[in-house]
């Protein structure tokens, strides 16, 4: 019995060593610290009531985007939507199921980078645009792609 336990432990240790060695040989992807940030502020397109929440590198997605997330209180959502409709071509949000959202829209910044922007509310029963102030938070997602799509 003791030999079986020792053999199982040896096999487990070898598997962990193999995984660690394999992971060490894979090049480290571009990390959030290397390119992520407050893209709206960098472009000079960030309204004062929009709060930057953070940025992540999405290595598992097509185009390997850097994804910045922002929050907007519901009382400023209509003004924020209008601003981005005018500045980036964002389409007006529509009610779908249990939130307000729209498809991502694409634009190029002044340096020519292709950028995706999406705006979505938190889950809500609010069915009229005029009542958006009752929605706690809307989210804006801005993606900058690190690879061609």
C-alpha atoms as a PDB file:
ATOM      1  CA  UNK A   1       0.000   0.000   0.000  1.00  0.00           C
ATOM      2  CA  UNK A   2       2.842   2.346   0.901  1.00  0.00           C
ATOM      3  CA  UNK A   3       4.482   1.797  -2.493  1.00  0.00           C
ATOM      4  CA  UNK A   4       1.238   2.718  -4.298  1.00  0.00           C
ATOM      5  CA  UNK A   5       0.942   5.954  -2.315  1.00  0.00           C
ATOM      6  CA  UNK A   6       4.580   6.875  -3.017  1.00  0.00           C
ATOM      7  CA  UNK A   7       4.134   6.082  -6.720  1.00  0.00           C
ATOM      8  CA  UNK A   8       1.000   8.259  -6.874  1.00  0.00           C
ATOM      9  CA  UNK A   9       2.830  11.129  -5.158  1.00  0.00           C
ATOM     10  CA  UNK A  10       5.774  10.793  -7.542  1.00  0.00           C
ATOM     11  CA  UNK A  11       3.473  10.872 -10.581  1.00  0.00           C
ATOM     12  CA  UNK A  12       1.665  13.940  -9.197  1.00  0.00           C
ATOM     13  CA  UNK A  13       4.962  15.764  -8.573  1.00  0.00           C
ATOM     14  CA  UNK A  14       6.175  14.954 -12.088  1.00  0.00           C
ATOM     15  CA  UNK A  15       2.909  16.300 -13.558  1.00  0.00           C
ATOM     16  CA  UNK A  16       3.243  19.567 -11.607  1.00  0.00           C
ATOM     17  CA  UNK A  17       6.877  19.934 -12.693  1.00  0.00           C
ATOM     18  CA  UNK A  18       5.909  19.314 -16.327  1.00  0.00           C
ATOM     19  CA  UNK A  19       3.104  21.914 -16.201  1.00  0.00           C
ATOM     20  CA  UNK A  20       5.417  24.479 -14.567  1.00  0.00           C
ATOM     21  CA  UNK A  21       8.181  23.839 -17.126  1.00  0.00           C
ATOM     22  CA  UNK A  22       5.665  24.048 -19.973  1.00  0.00           C
ATOM     23  CA  UNK A  23       4.207  27.312 -18.633  1.00  0.00           C
ATOM     24  CA  UNK A  24       7.688  28.798 -18.247  1.00  0.00           C
ATOM     25  CA  UNK A  25       8.433  28.156 -21.923  1.00  0.00           C
ATOM     26  CA  UNK A  26       5.352  30.071 -23.116  1.00  0.00           C
ATOM     27  CA  UNK A  27       6.076  33.740 -23.815  1.00  0.00           C
ATOM     28  CA  UNK A  28       4.440  36.093 -21.341  1.00  0.00           C
ATOM     29  CA  UNK A  29       1.517  37.947 -22.995  1.00  0.00           C
ATOM     30  CA  UNK A  30       1.256  41.687 -23.019  1.00  0.00           C
ATOM     31  CA  UNK A  31       0.075  42.467 -19.510  1.00  0.00           C
ATOM     32  CA  UNK A  32      -2.404  45.103 -18.412  1.00  0.00           C
ATOM     33  CA  UNK A  33       0.455  47.202 -17.042  1.00  0.00           C
ATOM     34  CA  UNK A  34       2.086  47.331 -20.496  1.00  0.00           C
ATOM     35  CA  UNK A  35      -0.788  48.895 -22.383  1.00  0.00           C
ATOM     36  CA  UNK A  36      -3.945  49.153 -20.350  1.00  0.00           C
ATOM     37  CA  UNK A  37      -5.195  52.373 -18.943  1.00  0.00           C
ATOM     38  CA  UNK A  38      -7.881  55.015 -18.942  1.00  0.00           C
ATOM     39  CA  UNK A  39      -8.309  55.128 -22.741  1.00  0.00           C
ATOM     40  CA  UNK A  40     -11.060  57.754 -22.682  1.00  0.00           C
ATOM     41  CA  UNK A  41      -8.883  60.150 -20.687  1.00  0.00           C
ATOM     42  CA  UNK A  42      -5.892  59.414 -22.958  1.00  0.00           C
ATOM     43  CA  UNK A  43      -8.013  60.333 -25.994  1.00  0.00           C
ATOM     44  CA  UNK A  44      -9.471  63.413 -24.290  1.00  0.00           C
ATOM     45  CA  UNK A  45     -12.964  61.909 -24.635  1.00  0.00           C
ATOM     46  CA  UNK A  46     -13.908  61.285 -20.997  1.00  0.00           C
ATOM     47  CA  UNK A  47     -16.872  63.223 -19.597  1.00  0.00           C
ATOM     48  CA  UNK A  48     -16.441  64.334 -15.984  1.00  0.00           C
ATOM     49  CA  UNK A  49     -19.160  62.050 -14.579  1.00  0.00           C
ATOM     50  CA  UNK A  50     -17.618  58.905 -16.113  1.00  0.00           C
ATOM     51  CA  UNK A  51     -15.508  56.937 -13.617  1.00  0.00           C
ATOM     52  CA  UNK A  52     -12.661  54.692 -14.734  1.00  0.00           C
ATOM     53  CA  UNK A  53     -12.994  51.263 -13.043  1.00  0.00           C
ATOM     54  CA  UNK A  54      -9.978  49.423 -14.460  1.00  0.00           C
ATOM     55  CA  UNK A  55      -8.428  47.685 -17.427  1.00  0.00           C
ATOM     56  CA  UNK A  56      -7.677  44.058 -18.330  1.00  0.00           C
ATOM     57  CA  UNK A  57      -5.827  42.223 -21.080  1.00  0.00           C
ATOM     58  CA  UNK A  58      -8.195  39.750 -22.762  1.00  0.00           C
ATOM     59  CA  UNK A  59      -5.670  37.278 -24.225  1.00  0.00           C
ATOM     60  CA  UNK A  60      -8.314  34.639 -24.926  1.00  0.00           C
ATOM     61  CA  UNK A  61     -10.401  36.896 -27.196  1.00  0.00           C
ATOM     62  CA  UNK A  62     -10.061  37.635 -30.898  1.00  0.00           C
ATOM     63  CA  UNK A  63      -7.848  40.683 -31.415  1.00  0.00           C
ATOM     64  CA  UNK A  64      -6.513  40.259 -27.865  1.00  0.00           C
ATOM     65  CA  UNK A  65      -8.064  43.517 -26.679  1.00  0.00           C
ATOM     66  CA  UNK A  66      -7.112  45.675 -23.765  1.00  0.00           C
ATOM     67  CA  UNK A  67     -10.492  46.318 -22.126  1.00  0.00           C
ATOM     68  CA  UNK A  68     -11.119  49.427 -20.021  1.00  0.00           C
ATOM     69  CA  UNK A  69     -14.329  49.570 -17.992  1.00  0.00           C
ATOM     70  CA  UNK A  70     -16.084  52.728 -16.824  1.00  0.00           C
ATOM     71  CA  UNK A  71     -19.126  53.426 -14.647  1.00  0.00           C
ATOM     72  CA  UNK A  72     -21.755  56.123 -15.138  1.00  0.00           C
ATOM     73  CA  UNK A  73     -24.540  56.900 -12.644  1.00  0.00           C
ATOM     74  CA  UNK A  74     -27.981  56.516 -14.219  1.00  0.00           C
ATOM     75  CA  UNK A  75     -28.748  60.213 -13.807  1.00  0.00           C
ATOM     76  CA  UNK A  76     -25.898  60.995 -16.256  1.00  0.00           C
ATOM     77  CA  UNK A  77     -26.516  58.098 -18.652  1.00  0.00           C
ATOM     78  CA  UNK A  78     -28.573  60.003 -21.243  1.00  0.00           C
ATOM     79  CA  UNK A  79     -26.007  62.824 -21.458  1.00  0.00           C
ATOM     80  CA  UNK A  80     -23.175  60.279 -21.671  1.00  0.00           C
ATOM     81  CA  UNK A  81     -24.944  58.313 -24.390  1.00  0.00           C
ATOM     82  CA  UNK A  82     -25.563  61.529 -26.389  1.00  0.00           C
ATOM     83  CA  UNK A  83     -21.907  62.518 -26.007  1.00  0.00           C
ATOM     84  CA  UNK A  84     -20.633  59.177 -27.339  1.00  0.00           C
ATOM     85  CA  UNK A  85     -23.231  59.078 -30.128  1.00  0.00           C
ATOM     86  CA  UNK A  86     -21.827  62.414 -31.294  1.00  0.00           C
ATOM     87  CA  UNK A  87     -18.111  61.722 -30.680  1.00  0.00           C
ATOM     88  CA  UNK A  88     -17.705  58.044 -31.589  1.00  0.00           C
ATOM     89  CA  UNK A  89     -20.806  57.005 -33.513  1.00  0.00           C
ATOM     90  CA  UNK A  90     -22.188  54.930 -30.652  1.00  0.00           C
ATOM     91  CA  UNK A  91     -25.726  53.813 -31.470  1.00  0.00           C
ATOM     92  CA  UNK A  92     -28.486  54.795 -29.069  1.00  0.00           C
ATOM     93  CA  UNK A  93     -29.221  52.144 -26.461  1.00  0.00           C
ATOM     94  CA  UNK A  94     -32.333  50.011 -26.719  1.00  0.00           C
ATOM     95  CA  UNK A  95     -34.221  48.020 -24.165  1.00  0.00           C
ATOM     96  CA  UNK A  96     -33.539  44.289 -24.477  1.00  0.00           C
ATOM     97  CA  UNK A  97     -34.779  41.754 -21.962  1.00  0.00           C
ATOM     98  CA  UNK A  98     -33.676  43.167 -18.644  1.00  0.00           C
ATOM     99  CA  UNK A  99     -31.218  45.927 -19.506  1.00  0.00           C
ATOM    100  CA  UNK A 100     -30.452  48.821 -21.852  1.00  0.00           C
ATOM    101  CA  UNK A 101     -27.699  48.074 -24.335  1.00  0.00           C
ATOM    102  CA  UNK A 102     -26.531  48.200 -27.915  1.00  0.00           C
ATOM    103  CA  UNK A 103     -24.030  46.470 -30.148  1.00  0.00           C
ATOM    104  CA  UNK A 104     -20.404  47.541 -29.973  1.00  0.00           C
ATOM    105  CA  UNK A 105     -19.491  50.415 -32.253  1.00  0.00           C
ATOM    106  CA  UNK A 106     -16.082  50.958 -33.806  1.00  0.00           C
ATOM    107  CA  UNK A 107     -14.071  54.110 -34.323  1.00  0.00           C
ATOM    108  CA  UNK A 108     -10.450  55.144 -34.776  1.00  0.00           C
ATOM    109  CA  UNK A 109      -8.665  57.419 -32.377  1.00  0.00           C
ATOM    110  CA  UNK A 110      -6.329  60.202 -33.520  1.00  0.00           C
ATOM    111  CA  UNK A 111      -3.401  57.758 -33.729  1.00  0.00           C
ATOM    112  CA  UNK A 112      -5.366  55.376 -35.974  1.00  0.00           C
ATOM    113  CA  UNK A 113      -5.998  52.638 -33.403  1.00  0.00           C
ATOM    114  CA  UNK A 114      -9.235  50.728 -33.945  1.00  0.00           C
ATOM    115  CA  UNK A 115     -11.372  50.985 -30.839  1.00  0.00           C
ATOM    116  CA  UNK A 116     -14.640  49.357 -29.812  1.00  0.00           C
ATOM    117  CA  UNK A 117     -17.095  51.062 -27.465  1.00  0.00           C
ATOM    118  CA  UNK A 118     -20.160  49.571 -25.799  1.00  0.00           C
ATOM    119  CA  UNK A 119     -22.570  51.000 -23.243  1.00  0.00           C
ATOM    120  CA  UNK A 120     -24.929  48.893 -21.132  1.00  0.00           C
ATOM    121  CA  UNK A 121     -27.066  49.366 -18.026  1.00  0.00           C
ATOM    122  CA  UNK A 122     -27.111  47.116 -15.037  1.00  0.00           C
ATOM    123  CA  UNK A 123     -30.045  44.694 -14.965  1.00  0.00           C
ATOM    124  CA  UNK A 124     -33.216  46.738 -14.517  1.00  0.00           C
ATOM    125  CA  UNK A 125     -37.004  46.818 -14.807  1.00  0.00           C
ATOM    126  CA  UNK A 126     -36.845  50.430 -16.054  1.00  0.00           C
ATOM    127  CA  UNK A 127     -38.524  50.388 -19.457  1.00  0.00           C
ATOM    128  CA  UNK A 128     -38.507  54.087 -20.437  1.00  0.00           C
ATOM    129  CA  UNK A 129     -35.491  56.196 -21.318  1.00  0.00           C
ATOM    130  CA  UNK A 130     -36.948  59.063 -19.319  1.00  0.00           C
ATOM    131  CA  UNK A 131     -36.550  56.905 -16.180  1.00  0.00           C
ATOM    132  CA  UNK A 132     -32.842  56.110 -16.609  1.00  0.00           C
ATOM    133  CA  UNK A 133     -32.087  58.198 -13.510  1.00  0.00           C
ATOM    134  CA  UNK A 134     -33.651  55.309 -11.529  1.00  0.00           C
ATOM    135  CA  UNK A 135     -30.956  52.923 -12.799  1.00  0.00           C
ATOM    136  CA  UNK A 136     -27.979  52.803 -10.452  1.00  0.00           C
ATOM    137  CA  UNK A 137     -25.139  52.284 -12.909  1.00  0.00           C
ATOM    138  CA  UNK A 138     -24.392  52.060 -16.590  1.00  0.00           C
ATOM    139  CA  UNK A 139     -21.140  50.588 -17.805  1.00  0.00           C
ATOM    140  CA  UNK A 140     -19.010  51.680 -20.739  1.00  0.00           C
ATOM    141  CA  UNK A 141     -16.556  49.170 -22.189  1.00  0.00           C
ATOM    142  CA  UNK A 142     -13.749  50.474 -24.375  1.00  0.00           C
ATOM    143  CA  UNK A 143     -11.521  47.962 -26.137  1.00  0.00           C
ATOM    144  CA  UNK A 144      -8.223  48.667 -27.880  1.00  0.00           C
ATOM    145  CA  UNK A 145      -7.026  45.757 -29.986  1.00  0.00           C
ATOM    146  CA  UNK A 146      -3.444  44.511 -29.786  1.00  0.00           C
ATOM    147  CA  UNK A 147      -3.734  42.246 -32.855  1.00  0.00           C
ATOM    148  CA  UNK A 148      -5.491  42.596 -36.195  1.00  0.00           C
ATOM    149  CA  UNK A 149      -8.902  40.976 -36.341  1.00  0.00           C
END
